[in-house]
N, C-alpha and C. Protein backbone atom coordinates (compact mmCIF):
# COMPACT_ATOMS: atom_id res chain seq x y z
N MET A 1 -22.62 -20.93 -34.40
CA MET A 1 -21.53 -21.25 -35.00
C MET A 1 -22.32 -21.18 -36.53
N THR A 2 -21.09 -21.26 -37.77
CA THR A 2 -21.51 -21.50 -38.75
C THR A 2 -21.42 -22.97 -39.36
N ASP A 3 -22.06 -23.55 -40.60
CA ASP A 3 -21.79 -24.54 -41.11
C ASP A 3 -20.86 -25.05 -41.29
N GLU A 4 -19.68 -24.43 -41.50
CA GLU A 4 -18.88 -24.45 -41.86
C GLU A 4 -17.79 -24.82 -40.26
N GLY A 5 -17.68 -24.14 -39.65
CA GLY A 5 -17.40 -24.16 -38.59
C GLY A 5 -17.89 -25.69 -37.74
N LEU A 6 -19.19 -25.90 -37.68
CA LEU A 6 -19.36 -27.32 -37.41
C LEU A 6 -18.75 -28.01 -37.86
N LYS A 7 -18.89 -28.35 -39.77
CA LYS A 7 -18.12 -29.23 -39.98
C LYS A 7 -16.83 -29.51 -39.62
N PHE A 8 -16.10 -27.88 -39.40
CA PHE A 8 -14.50 -28.01 -38.75
C PHE A 8 -14.40 -29.65 -37.91
N VAL A 9 -15.29 -28.80 -37.06
CA VAL A 9 -15.29 -29.42 -34.72
C VAL A 9 -16.01 -30.96 -35.58
N LEU A 10 -16.50 -30.93 -35.95
CA LEU A 10 -17.19 -32.70 -36.06
C LEU A 10 -15.68 -33.54 -36.98
N GLU A 11 -15.02 -32.55 -37.97
CA GLU A 11 -13.97 -33.52 -38.51
C GLU A 11 -12.71 -33.57 -37.98
N LYS A 12 -12.65 -32.68 -36.97
CA LYS A 12 -11.70 -32.69 -35.63
C LYS A 12 -11.81 -33.47 -34.63
N GLY A 13 -12.99 -33.72 -34.58
CA GLY A 13 -13.12 -34.28 -33.72
C GLY A 13 -13.08 -36.07 -33.79
N ALA A 14 -13.82 -36.34 -35.07
CA ALA A 14 -13.40 -37.60 -35.63
C ALA A 14 -12.35 -37.88 -35.61
N GLU A 15 -11.37 -37.23 -36.26
CA GLU A 15 -9.84 -37.05 -36.16
C GLU A 15 -9.29 -37.51 -35.15
N TYR A 16 -9.28 -36.74 -33.91
CA TYR A 16 -8.97 -37.15 -32.77
C TYR A 16 -9.06 -38.05 -32.13
N ARG A 17 -10.59 -38.56 -31.99
CA ARG A 17 -11.22 -39.94 -31.96
C ARG A 17 -10.61 -40.83 -32.20
N GLU A 18 -10.00 -41.10 -33.30
CA GLU A 18 -9.35 -42.29 -34.37
C GLU A 18 -8.14 -42.01 -33.65
N MET A 19 -7.25 -41.17 -33.53
CA MET A 19 -5.88 -41.02 -32.94
C MET A 19 -6.39 -41.78 -31.24
N TYR A 20 -7.26 -41.29 -30.66
CA TYR A 20 -6.84 -41.86 -29.83
C TYR A 20 -6.98 -43.85 -29.11
N TYR A 21 -8.34 -43.62 -30.24
CA TYR A 21 -8.61 -45.44 -29.98
C TYR A 21 -7.40 -45.92 -30.63
N GLU A 22 -6.48 -45.39 -31.28
CA GLU A 22 -5.40 -46.37 -32.18
C GLU A 22 -4.28 -46.44 -31.29
N LYS A 23 -4.17 -45.30 -30.10
CA LYS A 23 -3.10 -44.85 -29.02
C LYS A 23 -3.65 -46.11 -28.32
N LEU A 24 -4.76 -46.20 -28.04
CA LEU A 24 -5.32 -47.03 -27.25
C LEU A 24 -4.80 -48.68 -27.45
N ALA A 25 -5.45 -49.15 -28.55
CA ALA A 25 -4.86 -50.45 -29.32
C ALA A 25 -3.51 -50.61 -29.59
N HIS A 26 -2.44 -49.31 -29.61
CA HIS A 26 -1.18 -49.79 -29.31
C HIS A 26 -0.97 -50.14 -28.51
N ASP A 27 -1.29 -49.60 -27.25
CA ASP A 27 -0.74 -49.97 -26.19
C ASP A 27 -1.11 -51.61 -25.48
N ILE A 28 -1.63 -52.52 -25.97
CA ILE A 28 -2.20 -53.79 -26.18
C ILE A 28 -1.62 -53.97 -27.03
N ASP A 29 -0.67 -55.27 -26.77
CA ASP A 29 0.16 -56.12 -27.86
C ASP A 29 -0.71 -56.88 -28.21
N GLU A 30 -0.31 -57.18 -29.55
CA GLU A 30 -1.21 -58.01 -30.88
C GLU A 30 -1.47 -59.06 -30.58
N ASP A 31 -1.28 -60.12 -29.68
CA ASP A 31 -2.17 -61.07 -29.07
C ASP A 31 -3.29 -60.97 -28.64
N ARG A 32 -2.96 -60.02 -27.67
CA ARG A 32 -4.41 -59.65 -26.74
C ARG A 32 -5.47 -58.95 -27.72
N ARG A 33 -4.79 -58.25 -28.81
CA ARG A 33 -5.96 -57.40 -29.90
C ARG A 33 -6.77 -58.94 -30.15
N GLN A 34 -5.90 -59.64 -30.73
CA GLN A 34 -6.44 -60.56 -31.59
C GLN A 34 -7.30 -61.30 -30.77
N ALA A 35 -7.22 -61.58 -29.20
CA ALA A 35 -7.95 -62.31 -28.70
C ALA A 35 -9.00 -61.31 -28.16
N LEU A 36 -9.22 -60.17 -28.45
CA LEU A 36 -10.57 -59.09 -27.83
C LEU A 36 -11.28 -59.46 -29.05
N ALA A 37 -10.60 -59.26 -30.16
CA ALA A 37 -11.22 -59.09 -31.78
C ALA A 37 -12.17 -60.20 -31.78
N ARG A 38 -11.66 -61.62 -31.45
CA ARG A 38 -12.33 -62.64 -31.17
C ARG A 38 -13.28 -63.20 -30.56
N ALA A 39 -13.06 -62.54 -29.26
CA ALA A 39 -13.77 -62.20 -28.10
C ALA A 39 -15.47 -62.26 -29.04
N VAL A 40 -14.99 -60.83 -29.19
CA VAL A 40 -16.36 -59.95 -29.54
C VAL A 40 -17.02 -60.44 -31.03
N MET A 41 -15.76 -60.74 -31.79
CA MET A 41 -16.27 -60.56 -33.56
C MET A 41 -17.58 -62.54 -32.60
N ASP A 42 -17.02 -63.66 -32.41
CA ASP A 42 -17.85 -64.53 -32.12
C ASP A 42 -19.36 -64.41 -31.43
N PHE A 43 -19.75 -63.24 -31.08
CA PHE A 43 -20.83 -62.69 -30.59
C PHE A 43 -22.15 -62.88 -31.40
N PRO A 44 -23.53 -63.18 -31.20
CA PRO A 44 -24.17 -62.89 -32.37
C PRO A 44 -25.10 -61.72 -32.34
N THR A 45 -25.30 -60.84 -33.23
CA THR A 45 -25.54 -59.55 -33.64
C THR A 45 -26.91 -59.19 -32.57
N ASP A 46 -27.42 -60.22 -32.49
CA ASP A 46 -28.88 -60.00 -31.53
C ASP A 46 -28.63 -60.39 -29.83
N LYS A 47 -27.44 -60.52 -29.57
CA LYS A 47 -27.44 -60.17 -28.02
C LYS A 47 -25.96 -59.31 -27.79
N THR A 48 -26.85 -59.31 -26.30
CA THR A 48 -25.77 -58.52 -25.51
C THR A 48 -24.64 -59.04 -25.33
N MET A 49 -23.34 -57.81 -25.30
CA MET A 49 -22.18 -58.37 -24.79
C MET A 49 -21.85 -57.68 -22.97
N THR A 50 -21.49 -58.98 -22.43
CA THR A 50 -21.88 -58.37 -21.20
C THR A 50 -20.39 -58.54 -20.81
N LYS A 51 -19.83 -58.01 -19.36
CA LYS A 51 -18.15 -58.42 -19.54
C LYS A 51 -18.10 -59.93 -19.25
N PRO A 52 -18.74 -60.09 -18.33
CA PRO A 52 -18.63 -62.02 -17.86
C PRO A 52 -18.15 -62.36 -19.05
N ALA A 53 -19.77 -61.92 -20.34
CA ALA A 53 -19.38 -63.53 -21.44
C ALA A 53 -17.95 -63.19 -21.97
N ILE A 54 -17.74 -61.75 -22.28
CA ILE A 54 -16.79 -61.80 -22.62
C ILE A 54 -15.35 -61.70 -22.10
N THR A 55 -15.34 -61.49 -20.78
CA THR A 55 -13.76 -62.16 -20.13
C THR A 55 -13.96 -63.76 -20.51
N SER A 56 -14.70 -64.28 -19.79
CA SER A 56 -15.07 -65.77 -20.00
C SER A 56 -14.07 -66.46 -21.49
N CYS A 57 -14.84 -65.66 -22.67
CA CYS A 57 -13.87 -65.63 -23.99
C CYS A 57 -12.91 -65.66 -23.92
N LEU A 58 -12.14 -64.51 -23.19
CA LEU A 58 -10.70 -64.08 -23.02
C LEU A 58 -9.81 -65.06 -22.10
N LYS A 59 -10.95 -65.59 -21.04
CA LYS A 59 -10.18 -66.25 -20.31
C LYS A 59 -9.68 -68.11 -21.38
N GLN A 60 -10.52 -68.25 -22.21
CA GLN A 60 -10.80 -69.48 -22.68
C GLN A 60 -9.19 -69.80 -23.75
N SER A 61 -8.53 -68.47 -24.14
CA SER A 61 -8.01 -67.76 -24.96
C SER A 61 -6.44 -67.90 -24.13
N GLY A 62 -6.37 -68.20 -22.69
CA GLY A 62 -5.31 -68.59 -22.07
C GLY A 62 -4.85 -67.14 -21.21
N LEU A 63 -6.16 -66.21 -21.25
CA LEU A 63 -5.59 -65.19 -20.35
C LEU A 63 -6.20 -65.88 -18.80
N THR A 64 -5.48 -64.87 -17.50
CA THR A 64 -6.02 -65.85 -16.20
C THR A 64 -7.29 -64.55 -16.46
N LYS A 65 -7.55 -64.66 -15.12
CA LYS A 65 -8.64 -63.96 -15.10
C LYS A 65 -8.77 -61.97 -14.79
N LYS A 66 -7.71 -62.08 -13.61
CA LYS A 66 -7.33 -60.68 -14.13
C LYS A 66 -6.77 -60.27 -15.25
N GLU A 67 -6.51 -60.55 -15.84
CA GLU A 67 -5.57 -60.40 -17.85
C GLU A 67 -6.46 -59.98 -18.30
N ALA A 68 -7.78 -60.78 -18.24
CA ALA A 68 -9.33 -60.97 -18.86
C ALA A 68 -10.08 -59.79 -18.41
N ASP A 69 -9.98 -59.54 -16.96
CA ASP A 69 -10.55 -58.25 -16.89
C ASP A 69 -10.04 -57.26 -17.13
N ASP A 70 -8.57 -57.30 -17.16
CA ASP A 70 -7.43 -55.50 -17.03
C ASP A 70 -7.71 -55.29 -18.61
N LEU A 71 -8.04 -56.64 -19.54
CA LEU A 71 -8.24 -56.19 -21.27
C LEU A 71 -9.01 -55.91 -21.63
N PHE A 72 -10.29 -56.01 -20.95
CA PHE A 72 -11.93 -55.71 -20.72
C PHE A 72 -11.66 -54.30 -20.60
N THR A 73 -11.29 -54.49 -19.53
CA THR A 73 -11.01 -52.57 -18.86
C THR A 73 -10.58 -51.98 -19.89
């Protein structure tokens, strides 16, 4: 592969990756996106974010256990 070809592939991959995540975020209603953002924002950068810790934060925002699990997934 040429340098130009590799550059093209990497740029397209980044473009499609962004579109993929935008689609995922679009399918989650705004209140839940905000709850998820708050859940991960509150974690110290030197700590590992585990599923139980994140879903616990999501439940504190009013989601049921199943809703928190589904949103995490």
